């Protein structure tokens, strides 16, 4: 089994590949929510909020890309 397996995949409720994409989507959603929370806390404009979310997602995706490059 891959290290990307979630509890749903381990339990056999969904396929391993599906569990990976679910985990990926939940992670991106969490990064988006954190970007919105930060923007609201700092009282940023819509453009500032968009930039905050984009930077948060970009950093998360860079970390994932680095992990994939190192692991494979």
Protein backbone atom coordinates (compact mmCIF):
# COMPACT_ATOMS: atom_id res chain seq x y z
CA UNK A 1 0.00 0.00 0.00
CA UNK A 2 1.08 3.59 -0.65
CA UNK A 3 1.87 6.06 2.08
CA UNK A 4 -0.96 8.21 0.68
CA UNK A 5 -3.60 5.78 1.82
CA UNK A 6 -6.38 7.21 3.99
CA UNK A 7 -8.56 5.42 6.49
CA UNK A 8 -11.30 5.04 3.86
CA UNK A 9 -8.87 3.34 1.52
CA UNK A 10 -7.45 1.15 4.26
CA UNK A 11 -10.95 0.06 5.26
CA UNK A 12 -11.74 -0.86 1.67
CA UNK A 13 -14.59 1.66 1.45
CA UNK A 14 -13.01 3.40 -1.55
CA UNK A 15 -10.20 2.42 -3.87
CA UNK A 16 -6.65 3.41 -2.98
CA UNK A 17 -6.40 5.90 -5.86
CA UNK A 18 -9.71 7.49 -4.85
CA UNK A 19 -8.55 7.78 -1.25
CA UNK A 20 -5.41 9.60 -2.43
CA UNK A 21 -7.44 12.15 -4.42
CA UNK A 22 -9.86 12.62 -1.53
CA UNK A 23 -6.95 13.32 0.82
CA UNK A 24 -5.44 15.70 -1.74
CA UNK A 25 -8.74 17.58 -2.13
CA UNK A 26 -9.27 17.82 1.63
CA UNK A 27 -5.73 19.17 2.03
CA UNK A 28 -6.26 21.83 -0.63
CA UNK A 29 -9.61 22.76 0.91
CA UNK A 30 -7.93 23.16 4.32
CA UNK A 31 -5.26 25.41 2.80
CA UNK A 32 -7.97 27.51 1.15
CA UNK A 33 -9.87 27.91 4.42
CA UNK A 34 -6.68 28.92 6.21
CA UNK A 35 -5.99 31.55 3.52
CA UNK A 36 -9.50 32.97 3.95
CA UNK A 37 -9.18 33.00 7.75
CA UNK A 38 -5.88 34.86 7.54
CA UNK A 39 -7.30 37.37 5.05
CA UNK A 40 -10.30 38.07 7.30
CA UNK A 41 -8.09 38.43 10.37
CA UNK A 42 -5.92 40.94 8.53
CA UNK A 43 -8.99 42.61 6.98
CA UNK A 44 -7.64 42.25 3.45
CA UNK A 45 -9.54 43.32 0.33
CA UNK A 46 -10.87 40.80 -2.18
CA UNK A 47 -7.62 41.03 -4.12
CA UNK A 48 -5.64 40.54 -0.92
CA UNK A 49 -7.81 37.57 0.00
CA UNK A 50 -7.27 36.03 -3.44
CA UNK A 51 -3.50 36.55 -3.16
CA UNK A 52 -3.50 35.06 0.34
CA UNK A 53 -5.34 31.96 -0.85
CA UNK A 54 -3.14 31.63 -3.95
CA UNK A 55 0.08 31.89 -1.93
CA UNK A 56 -1.16 29.37 0.61
CA UNK A 57 -2.14 26.89 -2.11
CA UNK A 58 1.11 27.47 -4.00
CA UNK A 59 3.21 26.78 -0.92
CA UNK A 60 1.25 23.62 -0.20
CA UNK A 61 1.62 22.41 -3.78
CA UNK A 62 5.36 23.15 -3.77
CA UNK A 63 5.76 21.08 -0.61
CA UNK A 64 3.84 18.21 -2.21
CA UNK A 65 5.91 18.47 -5.40
CA UNK A 66 9.14 18.38 -3.40
CA UNK A 67 7.96 15.31 -1.51
CA UNK A 68 7.07 13.55 -4.77
CA UNK A 69 10.41 14.44 -6.36
CA UNK A 70 12.36 13.25 -3.36
CA UNK A 71 10.33 10.07 -2.85
CA UNK A 72 10.45 8.99 -6.48
